[in-house]
Amino acid sequence: MTRANKYLEPVQVGDKVAFLVSEFDRGISDPPLILCKVYKIDGDNFQLACEGGLIKDKVPRNSFQFISQDVDFKVVAEPVLAVRTLV
């Protein structure tokens, strides 16, 4: 985590990020990325919210990328769902 923190841009609550969905959690035609916002920071783990709801699991910083461009999308904090369900 210390090494990842050196190379990855720091994020704050409310920042827009692209969450990388593993091949295990998505089908062939499902998108590889989900646009999210940082909802909560708990030490080195982050909770993300997206259009479908809040991601149930907290994720490490190396599982998403910061989006520096101005992209508009709606984010909701409920329901709390697993990544597979959101995809």
C-alpha atoms as a PDB file:
ATOM      1  CA  MET A   1       0.000   0.000   0.000  1.00  0.00           C
ATOM      2  CA  THR A   2       2.848   2.384   0.769  1.00  0.00           C
ATOM      3  CA  ARG A   3       4.309   1.816  -2.667  1.00  0.00           C
ATOM      4  CA  ALA A   4       0.918   2.304  -4.351  1.00  0.00           C
ATOM      5  CA  ASN A   5       0.372   5.555  -2.452  1.00  0.00           C
ATOM      6  CA  LYS A   6       3.608   6.942  -3.922  1.00  0.00           C
ATOM      7  CA  TYR A   7       2.538   6.363  -7.523  1.00  0.00           C
ATOM      8  CA  LEU A   8      -1.210   6.912  -7.373  1.00  0.00           C
ATOM      9  CA  GLU A   9      -2.823  10.309  -7.177  1.00  0.00           C
ATOM     10  CA  PRO A  10      -4.474  11.010  -3.803  1.00  0.00           C
ATOM     11  CA  VAL A  11      -8.269  11.219  -3.779  1.00  0.00           C
ATOM     12  CA  GLN A  12     -10.762  12.899  -1.463  1.00  0.00           C
ATOM     13  CA  VAL A  13     -14.424  12.251  -0.675  1.00  0.00           C
ATOM     14  CA  GLY A  14     -16.510  13.316  -3.679  1.00  0.00           C
ATOM     15  CA  ASP A  15     -13.783  12.776  -6.308  1.00  0.00           C
ATOM     16  CA  LYS A  16     -14.810  10.999  -9.514  1.00  0.00           C
ATOM     17  CA  VAL A  17     -13.078   7.695 -10.202  1.00  0.00           C
ATOM     18  CA  ALA A  18     -13.237   4.780 -12.646  1.00  0.00           C
ATOM     19  CA  PHE A  19     -13.518   1.467 -10.772  1.00  0.00           C
ATOM     20  CA  LEU A  20     -11.961  -1.514 -12.573  1.00  0.00           C
ATOM     21  CA  VAL A  21     -14.293  -4.526 -12.456  1.00  0.00           C
ATOM     22  CA  SER A  22     -12.495  -7.873 -12.388  1.00  0.00           C
ATOM     23  CA  GLU A  23     -13.207 -10.431 -15.114  1.00  0.00           C
ATOM     24  CA  PHE A  24     -14.617 -12.711 -12.423  1.00  0.00           C
ATOM     25  CA  ASP A  25     -17.394 -10.226 -11.573  1.00  0.00           C
ATOM     26  CA  ARG A  26     -18.498  -9.350 -15.104  1.00  0.00           C
ATOM     27  CA  GLY A  27     -19.741 -11.104 -18.183  1.00  0.00           C
ATOM     28  CA  ILE A  28     -18.364 -10.918 -21.715  1.00  0.00           C
ATOM     29  CA  SER A  29     -20.577  -7.997 -22.729  1.00  0.00           C
ATOM     30  CA  ASP A  30     -20.375  -6.082 -19.407  1.00  0.00           C
ATOM     31  CA  PRO A  31     -18.245  -2.928 -19.188  1.00  0.00           C
ATOM     32  CA  PRO A  32     -14.766  -3.233 -17.618  1.00  0.00           C
ATOM     33  CA  LEU A  33     -15.127   0.080 -15.744  1.00  0.00           C
ATOM     34  CA  ILE A  34     -17.813   1.652 -13.552  1.00  0.00           C
ATOM     35  CA  LEU A  35     -17.895   5.420 -13.035  1.00  0.00           C
ATOM     36  CA  CYS A  36     -18.104   6.155  -9.311  1.00  0.00           C
ATOM     37  CA  LYS A  37     -17.476   8.792  -6.688  1.00  0.00           C
ATOM     38  CA  VAL A  38     -15.543   8.307  -3.470  1.00  0.00           C
ATOM     39  CA  TYR A  39     -18.218   8.081  -0.783  1.00  0.00           C
ATOM     40  CA  LYS A  40     -16.180   7.325   2.329  1.00  0.00           C
ATOM     41  CA  ILE A  41     -12.510   6.868   3.243  1.00  0.00           C
ATOM     42  CA  ASP A  42     -11.572   4.383   5.954  1.00  0.00           C
ATOM     43  CA  GLY A  43      -7.793   4.366   6.350  1.00  0.00           C
ATOM     44  CA  ASP A  44      -6.374   2.739   3.196  1.00  0.00           C
ATOM     45  CA  ASN A  45      -9.770   1.488   1.996  1.00  0.00           C
ATOM     46  CA  PHE A  46     -12.399   3.413   0.079  1.00  0.00           C
ATOM     47  CA  GLN A  47     -16.146   3.005  -0.280  1.00  0.00           C
ATOM     48  CA  LEU A  48     -17.464   3.969  -3.705  1.00  0.00           C
ATOM     49  CA  ALA A  49     -20.922   5.047  -4.851  1.00  0.00           C
ATOM     50  CA  CYS A  50     -22.143   4.796  -8.445  1.00  0.00           C
ATOM     51  CA  GLU A  51     -25.363   5.189 -10.429  1.00  0.00           C
ATOM     52  CA  GLY A  52     -26.720   1.831  -9.266  1.00  0.00           C
ATOM     53  CA  GLY A  53     -25.941   2.324  -5.585  1.00  0.00           C
ATOM     54  CA  LEU A  54     -23.171   1.941  -3.043  1.00  0.00           C
ATOM     55  CA  ILE A  55     -20.561  -0.792  -3.532  1.00  0.00           C
ATOM     56  CA  LYS A  56     -20.823  -3.151  -0.550  1.00  0.00           C
ATOM     57  CA  ASP A  57     -17.110  -3.934  -0.250  1.00  0.00           C
ATOM     58  CA  LYS A  58     -14.467  -1.390   0.585  1.00  0.00           C
ATOM     59  CA  VAL A  59     -11.744  -1.319  -2.059  1.00  0.00           C
ATOM     60  CA  PRO A  60      -8.031  -0.439  -1.969  1.00  0.00           C
ATOM     61  CA  ARG A  61      -6.668   2.580  -3.826  1.00  0.00           C
ATOM     62  CA  ASN A  62      -5.053   0.507  -6.585  1.00  0.00           C
ATOM     63  CA  SER A  63      -8.435  -0.811  -7.818  1.00  0.00           C
ATOM     64  CA  PHE A  64      -9.617   2.491  -9.290  1.00  0.00           C
ATOM     65  CA  GLN A  65      -8.261   5.466 -11.236  1.00  0.00           C
ATOM     66  CA  PHE A  66      -8.849   9.153 -10.599  1.00  0.00           C
ATOM     67  CA  ILE A  67     -10.806  10.945 -13.350  1.00  0.00           C
ATOM     68  CA  SER A  68      -9.453  14.437 -13.869  1.00  0.00           C
ATOM     69  CA  GLN A  69     -11.915  15.353 -16.635  1.00  0.00           C
ATOM     70  CA  ASP A  70     -15.302  16.891 -15.908  1.00  0.00           C
ATOM     71  CA  VAL A  71     -17.763  14.025 -16.401  1.00  0.00           C
ATOM     72  CA  ASP A  72     -21.360  14.340 -15.222  1.00  0.00           C
ATOM     73  CA  PHE A  73     -23.183  11.327 -13.828  1.00  0.00           C
ATOM     74  CA  LYS A  74     -25.684  10.752 -11.041  1.00  0.00           C
ATOM     75  CA  VAL A  75     -24.641   8.897  -7.896  1.00  0.00           C
ATOM     76  CA  VAL A  76     -26.906   7.335  -5.279  1.00  0.00           C
ATOM     77  CA  ALA A  77     -25.963   5.978  -1.856  1.00  0.00           C
ATOM     78  CA  GLU A  78     -28.706   3.350  -1.661  1.00  0.00           C
ATOM     79  CA  PRO A  79     -29.083   0.431  -2.141  1.00  0.00           C
ATOM     80  CA  VAL A  80     -25.879  -1.217  -0.969  1.00  0.00           C
ATOM     81  CA  LEU A  81     -25.010  -3.875  -3.573  1.00  0.00           C
ATOM     82  CA  ALA A  82     -22.223  -6.250  -4.552  1.00  0.00           C
ATOM     83  CA  VAL A  83     -20.080  -5.419  -7.585  1.00  0.00           C
ATOM     84  CA  ARG A  84     -21.599  -8.271  -9.622  1.00  0.00           C
ATOM     85  CA  THR A  85     -25.088  -6.919  -9.070  1.00  0.00           C
ATOM     86  CA  LEU A  86     -24.066  -3.375 -10.046  1.00  0.00           C
ATOM     87  CA  VAL A  87     -22.450  -4.526 -13.279  1.00  0.00           C
END
